[in-house]
């Protein structure tokens, strides 16, 4: 249960990073203030992490990217469903 919860937290973090990175990659000037603030906060959180945690997140990110697209889509959907159910 603890592992599953940690995995969901990590996946949630990656989803935030992915959406922010994609948005920022398009063009910083096109982002609205809320999106810019989100990118800045994520970057600040990243900078404050200890190197060991950064390495762990990089490994998880690489693992996520190696996953087949259909599996990523299912995990994203499960995460979104869980998030909706919590609210």
PDB file of N, CA and C in Angstrom:
ATOM      1  N   UNK A   1       0.827  -1.190   0.000  1.00  0.00           N
ATOM      2  CA  UNK A   1       0.000   0.000   0.000  1.00  0.00           C
ATOM      3  C   UNK A   1       0.867   1.248   0.000  1.00  0.00           C
ATOM      4  N   UNK A   2       1.917   1.249   0.807  1.00  0.00           N
ATOM      5  CA  UNK A   2       2.812   2.399   0.876  1.00  0.00           C
ATOM      6  C   UNK A   2       3.513   2.612  -0.469  1.00  0.00           C
ATOM      7  N   UNK A   3       3.921   1.513  -1.103  1.00  0.00           N
ATOM      8  CA  UNK A   3       4.576   1.602  -2.398  1.00  0.00           C
ATOM      9  C   UNK A   3       3.615   2.147  -3.442  1.00  0.00           C
ATOM     10  N   UNK A   4       2.395   1.687  -3.411  1.00  0.00           N
ATOM     11  CA  UNK A   4       1.392   2.149  -4.374  1.00  0.00           C
ATOM     12  C   UNK A   4       1.125   3.643  -4.203  1.00  0.00           C
ATOM     13  N   UNK A   5       1.043   4.079  -2.963  1.00  0.00           N
ATOM     14  CA  UNK A   5       0.802   5.491  -2.681  1.00  0.00           C
ATOM     15  C   UNK A   5       1.978   6.333  -3.165  1.00  0.00           C
ATOM     16  N   UNK A   6       3.190   5.860  -2.907  1.00  0.00           N
ATOM     17  CA  UNK A   6       4.382   6.579  -3.360  1.00  0.00           C
ATOM     18  C   UNK A   6       4.418   6.648  -4.880  1.00  0.00           C
ATOM     19  N   UNK A   7       4.055   5.562  -5.539  1.00  0.00           N
ATOM     20  CA  UNK A   7       4.034   5.534  -6.999  1.00  0.00           C
ATOM     21  C   UNK A   7       3.039   6.556  -7.533  1.00  0.00           C
ATOM     22  N   UNK A   8       1.870   6.641  -6.917  1.00  0.00           N
ATOM     23  CA  UNK A   8       0.880   7.623  -7.355  1.00  0.00           C
ATOM     24  C   UNK A   8       1.387   9.049  -7.151  1.00  0.00           C
ATOM     25  N   UNK A   9       2.066   9.284  -6.053  1.00  0.00           N
ATOM     26  CA  UNK A   9       2.627  10.617  -5.805  1.00  0.00           C
ATOM     27  C   UNK A   9       3.674  10.944  -6.859  1.00  0.00           C
ATOM     28  N   UNK A  10       4.554   9.993  -7.136  1.00  0.00           N
ATOM     29  CA  UNK A  10       5.605  10.215  -8.128  1.00  0.00           C
ATOM     30  C   UNK A  10       4.986  10.435  -9.504  1.00  0.00           C
ATOM     31  N   UNK A  11       4.008   9.624  -9.858  1.00  0.00           N
ATOM     32  CA  UNK A  11       3.356   9.797 -11.155  1.00  0.00           C
ATOM     33  C   UNK A  11       2.654  11.146 -11.244  1.00  0.00           C
ATOM     34  N   UNK A  12       2.029  11.548 -10.152  1.00  0.00           N
ATOM     35  CA  UNK A  12       1.394  12.865 -10.130  1.00  0.00           C
ATOM     36  C   UNK A  12       2.410  13.965 -10.341  1.00  0.00           C
ATOM     37  N   UNK A  13       3.547  13.837  -9.694  1.00  0.00           N
ATOM     38  CA  UNK A  13       4.620  14.811  -9.859  1.00  0.00           C
ATOM     39  C   UNK A  13       5.085  14.841 -11.307  1.00  0.00           C
ATOM     40  N   UNK A  14       5.247  13.654 -11.904  1.00  0.00           N
ATOM     41  CA  UNK A  14       5.681  13.600 -13.291  1.00  0.00           C
ATOM     42  C   UNK A  14       4.643  14.185 -14.236  1.00  0.00           C
ATOM     43  N   UNK A  15       3.380  13.951 -13.948  1.00  0.00           N
ATOM     44  CA  UNK A  15       2.343  14.541 -14.789  1.00  0.00           C
ATOM     45  C   UNK A  15       2.399  16.062 -14.731  1.00  0.00           C
ATOM     46  N   UNK A  16       2.618  16.588 -13.553  1.00  0.00           N
ATOM     47  CA  UNK A  16       2.768  18.039 -13.425  1.00  0.00           C
ATOM     48  C   UNK A  16       3.987  18.531 -14.185  1.00  0.00           C
ATOM     49  N   UNK A  17       5.088  17.832 -14.024  1.00  0.00           N
ATOM     50  CA  UNK A  17       6.304  18.229 -14.730  1.00  0.00           C
ATOM     51  C   UNK A  17       6.121  18.131 -16.236  1.00  0.00           C
ATOM     52  N   UNK A  18       5.493  17.059 -16.662  1.00  0.00           N
ATOM     53  CA  UNK A  18       5.300  16.851 -18.086  1.00  0.00           C
ATOM     54  C   UNK A  18       4.428  17.945 -18.673  1.00  0.00           C
ATOM     55  N   UNK A  19       3.315  18.239 -18.036  1.00  0.00           N
ATOM     56  CA  UNK A  19       2.425  19.268 -18.566  1.00  0.00           C
ATOM     57  C   UNK A  19       3.094  20.633 -18.534  1.00  0.00           C
ATOM     58  N   UNK A  20       3.830  20.926 -17.473  1.00  0.00           N
ATOM     59  CA  UNK A  20       4.538  22.210 -17.386  1.00  0.00           C
ATOM     60  C   UNK A  20       5.663  22.273 -18.410  1.00  0.00           C
ATOM     61  N   UNK A  21       6.389  21.191 -18.547  1.00  0.00           N
ATOM     62  CA  UNK A  21       7.503  21.175 -19.491  1.00  0.00           C
ATOM     63  C   UNK A  21       6.992  21.318 -20.918  1.00  0.00           C
ATOM     64  N   UNK A  22       5.903  20.649 -21.228  1.00  0.00           N
ATOM     65  CA  UNK A  22       5.342  20.767 -22.566  1.00  0.00           C
ATOM     66  C   UNK A  22       4.870  22.192 -22.822  1.00  0.00           C
ATOM     67  N   UNK A  23       4.205  22.748 -21.835  1.00  0.00           N
ATOM     68  CA  UNK A  23       3.717  24.116 -21.993  1.00  0.00           C
ATOM     69  C   UNK A  23       4.886  25.085 -22.099  1.00  0.00           C
ATOM     70  N   UNK A  24       5.892  24.922 -21.262  1.00  0.00           N
ATOM     71  CA  UNK A  24       7.044  25.816 -21.293  1.00  0.00           C
ATOM     72  C   UNK A  24       7.846  25.623 -22.571  1.00  0.00           C
ATOM     73  N   UNK A  25       7.872  24.401 -23.081  1.00  0.00           N
ATOM     74  CA  UNK A  25       8.594  24.136 -24.307  1.00  0.00           C
ATOM     75  C   UNK A  25       7.955  24.828 -25.504  1.00  0.00           C
ATOM     76  N   UNK A  26       6.651  25.025 -25.457  1.00  0.00           N
ATOM     77  CA  UNK A  26       5.971  25.701 -26.556  1.00  0.00           C
ATOM     78  C   UNK A  26       6.482  27.129 -26.691  1.00  0.00           C
ATOM     79  N   UNK A  27       6.410  27.874 -25.623  1.00  0.00           N
ATOM     80  CA  UNK A  27       6.951  29.225 -25.593  1.00  0.00           C
ATOM     81  C   UNK A  27       6.564  29.871 -24.273  1.00  0.00           C
ATOM     82  N   UNK A  28       7.554  30.258 -23.532  1.00  0.00           N
ATOM     83  CA  UNK A  28       7.332  30.861 -22.215  1.00  0.00           C
ATOM     84  C   UNK A  28       6.401  32.059 -22.319  1.00  0.00           C
ATOM     85  N   UNK A  29       6.561  32.854 -23.359  1.00  0.00           N
ATOM     86  CA  UNK A  29       5.753  34.072 -23.500  1.00  0.00           C
ATOM     87  C   UNK A  29       4.275  33.779 -23.712  1.00  0.00           C
ATOM     88  N   UNK A  30       3.960  32.603 -24.194  1.00  0.00           N
ATOM     89  CA  UNK A  30       2.563  32.258 -24.452  1.00  0.00           C
ATOM     90  C   UNK A  30       1.844  31.725 -23.214  1.00  0.00           C
ATOM     91  N   UNK A  31       2.594  31.453 -22.155  1.00  0.00           N
ATOM     92  CA  UNK A  31       1.978  30.927 -20.940  1.00  0.00           C
ATOM     93  C   UNK A  31       1.233  32.029 -20.201  1.00  0.00           C
ATOM     94  N   UNK A  32       0.123  31.643 -19.587  1.00  0.00           N
ATOM     95  CA  UNK A  32      -0.576  32.624 -18.760  1.00  0.00           C
ATOM     96  C   UNK A  32       0.136  32.698 -17.404  1.00  0.00           C
ATOM     97  N   UNK A  33      -0.163  33.722 -16.601  1.00  0.00           N
ATOM     98  CA  UNK A  33       0.546  33.882 -15.317  1.00  0.00           C
ATOM     99  C   UNK A  33       0.439  32.669 -14.398  1.00  0.00           C
ATOM    100  N   UNK A  34      -0.705  32.002 -14.394  1.00  0.00           N
ATOM    101  CA  UNK A  34      -0.862  30.826 -13.541  1.00  0.00           C
ATOM    102  C   UNK A  34       0.075  29.702 -13.985  1.00  0.00           C
ATOM    103  N   UNK A  35       0.183  29.483 -15.287  1.00  0.00           N
ATOM    104  CA  UNK A  35       1.080  28.443 -15.804  1.00  0.00           C
ATOM    105  C   UNK A  35       2.543  28.786 -15.520  1.00  0.00           C
ATOM    106  N   UNK A  36       2.902  30.052 -15.678  1.00  0.00           N
ATOM    107  CA  UNK A  36       4.270  30.472 -15.378  1.00  0.00           C
ATOM    108  C   UNK A  36       4.595  30.258 -13.905  1.00  0.00           C
ATOM    109  N   UNK A  37       3.646  30.587 -13.050  1.00  0.00           N
ATOM    110  CA  UNK A  37       3.845  30.394 -11.619  1.00  0.00           C
ATOM    111  C   UNK A  37       4.028  28.912 -11.297  1.00  0.00           C
ATOM    112  N   UNK A  38       3.254  28.075 -11.949  1.00  0.00           N
ATOM    113  CA  UNK A  38       3.350  26.630 -11.739  1.00  0.00           C
ATOM    114  C   UNK A  38       4.732  26.116 -12.162  1.00  0.00           C
ATOM    115  N   UNK A  39       5.227  26.577 -13.304  1.00  0.00           N
ATOM    116  CA  UNK A  39       6.551  26.164 -13.776  1.00  0.00           C
ATOM    117  C   UNK A  39       7.622  26.628 -12.788  1.00  0.00           C
ATOM    118  N   UNK A  40       7.516  27.855 -12.324  1.00  0.00           N
ATOM    119  CA  UNK A  40       8.499  28.382 -11.361  1.00  0.00           C
ATOM    120  C   UNK A  40       8.499  27.589 -10.058  1.00  0.00           C
ATOM    121  N   UNK A  41       7.295  27.292  -9.542  1.00  0.00           N
ATOM    122  CA  UNK A  41       7.203  26.530  -8.287  1.00  0.00           C
ATOM    123  C   UNK A  41       7.805  25.142  -8.445  1.00  0.00           C
ATOM    124  N   UNK A  42       7.488  24.487  -9.556  1.00  0.00           N
ATOM    125  CA  UNK A  42       8.050  23.156  -9.794  1.00  0.00           C
ATOM    126  C   UNK A  42       9.570  23.210  -9.881  1.00  0.00           C
ATOM    127  N   UNK A  43      10.085  24.222 -10.541  1.00  0.00           N
ATOM    128  CA  UNK A  43      11.541  24.364 -10.655  1.00  0.00           C
ATOM    129  C   UNK A  43      12.158  24.614  -9.283  1.00  0.00           C
ATOM    130  N   UNK A  44      11.543  25.462  -8.487  1.00  0.00           N
ATOM    131  CA  UNK A  44      12.065  25.734  -7.148  1.00  0.00           C
ATOM    132  C   UNK A  44      12.046  24.481  -6.280  1.00  0.00           C
ATOM    133  N   UNK A  45      10.972  23.703  -6.382  1.00  0.00           N
ATOM    134  CA  UNK A  45      10.913  22.446  -5.621  1.00  0.00           C
ATOM    135  C   UNK A  45      12.030  21.508  -6.070  1.00  0.00           C
ATOM    136  N   UNK A  46      12.238  21.451  -7.378  1.00  0.00           N
ATOM    137  CA  UNK A  46      13.290  20.596  -7.922  1.00  0.00           C
ATOM    138  C   UNK A  46      14.649  21.026  -7.388  1.00  0.00           C
ATOM    139  N   UNK A  47      14.933  22.301  -7.400  1.00  0.00           N
ATOM    140  CA  UNK A  47      16.221  22.827  -6.945  1.00  0.00           C
ATOM    141  C   UNK A  47      16.472  22.521  -5.469  1.00  0.00           C
ATOM    142  N   UNK A  48      15.428  22.458  -4.669  1.00  0.00           N
ATOM    143  CA  UNK A  48      15.580  22.219  -3.234  1.00  0.00           C
ATOM    144  C   UNK A  48      15.754  20.739  -2.880  1.00  0.00           C
ATOM    145  N   UNK A  49      15.475  19.866  -3.828  1.00  0.00           N
ATOM    146  CA  UNK A  49      15.586  18.435  -3.542  1.00  0.00           C
ATOM    147  C   UNK A  49      17.038  18.026  -3.349  1.00  0.00           C
ATOM    148  N   UNK A  50      17.269  17.078  -2.442  1.00  0.00           N
ATOM    149  CA  UNK A  50      18.627  16.527  -2.297  1.00  0.00           C
ATOM    150  C   UNK A  50      18.994  15.719  -3.552  1.00  0.00           C
ATOM    151  N   UNK A  51      20.272  15.608  -3.866  1.00  0.00           N
ATOM    152  CA  UNK A  51      20.711  14.890  -5.072  1.00  0.00           C
ATOM    153  C   UNK A  51      20.169  13.457  -5.164  1.00  0.00           C
ATOM    154  N   UNK A  52      20.074  12.784  -4.037  1.00  0.00           N
ATOM    155  CA  UNK A  52      19.571  11.402  -4.042  1.00  0.00           C
ATOM    156  C   UNK A  52      18.119  11.355  -4.540  1.00  0.00           C
ATOM    157  N   UNK A  53      17.307  12.298  -4.091  1.00  0.00           N
ATOM    158  CA  UNK A  53      15.912  12.352  -4.531  1.00  0.00           C
ATOM    159  C   UNK A  53      15.817  12.721  -6.009  1.00  0.00           C
ATOM    160  N   UNK A  54      16.678  13.634  -6.447  1.00  0.00           N
ATOM    161  CA  UNK A  54      16.690  14.006  -7.864  1.00  0.00           C
ATOM    162  C   UNK A  54      17.020  12.793  -8.727  1.00  0.00           C
ATOM    163  N   UNK A  55      18.012  12.036  -8.296  1.00  0.00           N
ATOM    164  CA  UNK A  55      18.400  10.851  -9.052  1.00  0.00           C
ATOM    165  C   UNK A  55      17.255   9.842  -9.103  1.00  0.00           C
ATOM    166  N   UNK A  56      16.588   9.658  -7.976  1.00  0.00           N
ATOM    167  CA  UNK A  56      15.450   8.734  -7.943  1.00  0.00           C
ATOM    168  C   UNK A  56      14.357   9.189  -8.917  1.00  0.00           C
ATOM    169  N   UNK A  57      14.059  10.477  -8.915  1.00  0.00           N
ATOM    170  CA  UNK A  57      13.029  10.994  -9.818  1.00  0.00           C
ATOM    171  C   UNK A  57      13.456  10.873 -11.280  1.00  0.00           C
ATOM    172  N   UNK A  58      14.739  11.072 -11.553  1.00  0.00           N
ATOM    173  CA  UNK A  58      15.223  10.887 -12.929  1.00  0.00           C
ATOM    174  C   UNK A  58      15.031   9.440 -13.372  1.00  0.00           C
ATOM    175  N   UNK A  59      15.347   8.508 -12.473  1.00  0.00           N
ATOM    176  CA  UNK A  59      15.169   7.084 -12.794  1.00  0.00           C
ATOM    177  C   UNK A  59      13.701   6.766 -13.062  1.00  0.00           C
ATOM    178  N   UNK A  60      12.828   7.324 -12.219  1.00  0.00           N
ATOM    179  CA  UNK A  60      11.395   7.090 -12.420  1.00  0.00           C
ATOM    180  C   UNK A  60      10.916   7.710 -13.731  1.00  0.00           C
ATOM    181  N   UNK A  61      11.445   8.876 -14.051  1.00  0.00           N
ATOM    182  CA  UNK A  61      11.067   9.546 -15.296  1.00  0.00           C
ATOM    183  C   UNK A  61      11.518   8.719 -16.505  1.00  0.00           C
ATOM    184  N   UNK A  62      12.734   8.184 -16.448  1.00  0.00           N
ATOM    185  CA  UNK A  62      13.229   7.328 -17.529  1.00  0.00           C
ATOM    186  C   UNK A  62      12.371   6.074 -17.647  1.00  0.00           C
ATOM    187  N   UNK A  63      12.003   5.514 -16.512  1.00  0.00           N
ATOM    188  CA  UNK A  63      11.140   4.329 -16.505  1.00  0.00           C
ATOM    189  C   UNK A  63       9.793   4.660 -17.141  1.00  0.00           C
ATOM    190  N   UNK A  64       9.243   5.812 -16.801  1.00  0.00           N
ATOM    191  CA  UNK A  64       7.970   6.267 -17.366  1.00  0.00           C
ATOM    192  C   UNK A  64       8.081   6.403 -18.886  1.00  0.00           C
ATOM    193  N   UNK A  65       9.158   6.990 -19.346  1.00  0.00           N
ATOM    194  CA  UNK A  65       9.329   7.197 -20.787  1.00  0.00           C
ATOM    195  C   UNK A  65       9.559   5.902 -21.550  1.00  0.00           C
ATOM    196  N   UNK A  66      10.100   4.890 -20.879  1.00  0.00           N
ATOM    197  CA  UNK A  66      10.300   3.599 -21.534  1.00  0.00           C
ATOM    198  C   UNK A  66       9.016   2.781 -21.629  1.00  0.00           C
ATOM    199  N   UNK A  67       8.020   3.157 -20.818  1.00  0.00           N
ATOM    200  CA  UNK A  67       6.764   2.426 -20.810  1.00  0.00           C
ATOM    201  C   UNK A  67       6.041   2.575 -22.146  1.00  0.00           C
ATOM    202  N   UNK A  68       5.344   1.536 -22.577  1.00  0.00           N
ATOM    203  CA  UNK A  68       4.523   1.671 -23.787  1.00  0.00           C
ATOM    204  C   UNK A  68       3.441   2.745 -23.572  1.00  0.00           C
ATOM    205  N   UNK A  69       3.099   3.436 -24.642  1.00  0.00           N
ATOM    206  CA  UNK A  69       2.150   4.542 -24.555  1.00  0.00           C
ATOM    207  C   UNK A  69       0.804   4.109 -23.980  1.00  0.00           C
ATOM    208  N   UNK A  70       0.312   2.940 -24.351  1.00  0.00           N
ATOM    209  CA  UNK A  70      -0.993   2.508 -23.837  1.00  0.00           C
ATOM    210  C   UNK A  70      -0.957   2.304 -22.320  1.00  0.00           C
ATOM    211  N   UNK A  71       0.161   1.814 -21.815  1.00  0.00           N
ATOM    212  CA  UNK A  71       0.274   1.645 -20.358  1.00  0.00           C
ATOM    213  C   UNK A  71       0.335   2.997 -19.653  1.00  0.00           C
ATOM    214  N   UNK A  72       1.064   3.945 -20.242  1.00  0.00           N
ATOM    215  CA  UNK A  72       1.105   5.299 -19.667  1.00  0.00           C
ATOM    216  C   UNK A  72      -0.284   5.918 -19.660  1.00  0.00           C
ATOM    217  N   UNK A  73      -1.002   5.725 -20.747  1.00  0.00           N
ATOM    218  CA  UNK A  73      -2.363   6.279 -20.825  1.00  0.00           C
ATOM    219  C   UNK A  73      -3.268   5.685 -19.755  1.00  0.00           C
ATOM    220  N   UNK A  74      -3.144   4.383 -19.529  1.00  0.00           N
ATOM    221  CA  UNK A  74      -3.958   3.746 -18.478  1.00  0.00           C
ATOM    222  C   UNK A  74      -3.601   4.272 -17.104  1.00  0.00           C
ATOM    223  N   UNK A  75      -2.298   4.432 -16.836  1.00  0.00           N
ATOM    224  CA  UNK A  75      -1.877   4.970 -15.534  1.00  0.00           C
ATOM    225  C   UNK A  75      -2.355   6.406 -15.346  1.00  0.00           C
ATOM    226  N   UNK A  76      -2.256   7.205 -16.392  1.00  0.00           N
ATOM    227  CA  UNK A  76      -2.746   8.585 -16.315  1.00  0.00           C
ATOM    228  C   UNK A  76      -4.241   8.604 -16.019  1.00  0.00           C
ATOM    229  N   UNK A  77      -4.972   7.730 -16.709  1.00  0.00           N
ATOM    230  CA  UNK A  77      -6.416   7.672 -16.503  1.00  0.00           C
ATOM    231  C   UNK A  77      -6.745   7.240 -15.078  1.00  0.00           C
ATOM    232  N   UNK A  78      -6.033   6.247 -14.567  1.00  0.00           N
ATOM    233  CA  UNK A  78      -6.255   5.793 -13.201  1.00  0.00           C
ATOM    234  C   UNK A  78      -5.945   6.916 -12.206  1.00  0.00           C
ATOM    235  N   UNK A  79      -4.858   7.638 -12.457  1.00  0.00           N
ATOM    236  CA  UNK A  79      -4.499   8.761 -11.590  1.00  0.00           C
ATOM    237  C   UNK A  79      -5.596   9.822 -11.606  1.00  0.00           C
ATOM    238  N   UNK A  80      -6.075  10.167 -12.793  1.00  0.00           N
ATOM    239  CA  UNK A  80      -7.146  11.173 -12.904  1.00  0.00           C
ATOM    240  C   UNK A  80      -8.423  10.693 -12.211  1.00  0.00           C
ATOM    241  N   UNK A  81      -8.752   9.428 -12.373  1.00  0.00           N
ATOM    242  CA  UNK A  81      -9.939   8.878 -11.706  1.00  0.00           C
ATOM    243  C   UNK A  81      -9.797   8.940 -10.194  1.00  0.00           C
ATOM    244  N   UNK A  82      -8.618   8.564  -9.690  1.00  0.00           N
ATOM    245  CA  UNK A  82      -8.378   8.620  -8.247  1.00  0.00           C
ATOM    246  C   UNK A  82      -8.459  10.046  -7.735  1.00  0.00           C
ATOM    247  N   UNK A  83      -7.911  10.969  -8.508  1.00  0.00           N
ATOM    248  CA  UNK A  83      -7.936  12.379  -8.088  1.00  0.00           C
ATOM    249  C   UNK A  83      -9.374  12.913  -8.067  1.00  0.00           C
ATOM    250  N   UNK A  84     -10.156  12.553  -9.055  1.00  0.00           N
ATOM    251  CA  UNK A  84     -11.570  12.977  -9.073  1.00  0.00           C
ATOM    252  C   UNK A  84     -12.343  12.368  -7.909  1.00  0.00           C
ATOM    253  N   UNK A  85     -12.056  11.125  -7.588  1.00  0.00           N
ATOM    254  CA  UNK A  85     -12.752  10.440  -6.501  1.00  0.00           C
ATOM    255  C   UNK A  85     -12.407  11.028  -5.127  1.00  0.00           C
ATOM    256  N   UNK A  86     -11.206  11.585  -5.003  1.00  0.00           N
ATOM    257  CA  UNK A  86     -10.804  12.202  -3.738  1.00  0.00           C
ATOM    258  C   UNK A  86     -11.539  13.510  -3.497  1.00  0.00           C
ATOM    259  N   UNK A  87     -11.912  14.187  -4.557  1.00  0.00           N
ATOM    260  CA  UNK A  87     -12.575  15.496  -4.430  1.00  0.00           C
ATOM    261  C   UNK A  87     -14.048  15.374  -4.280  1.00  0.00           C
TER     262      UNK A  87
END
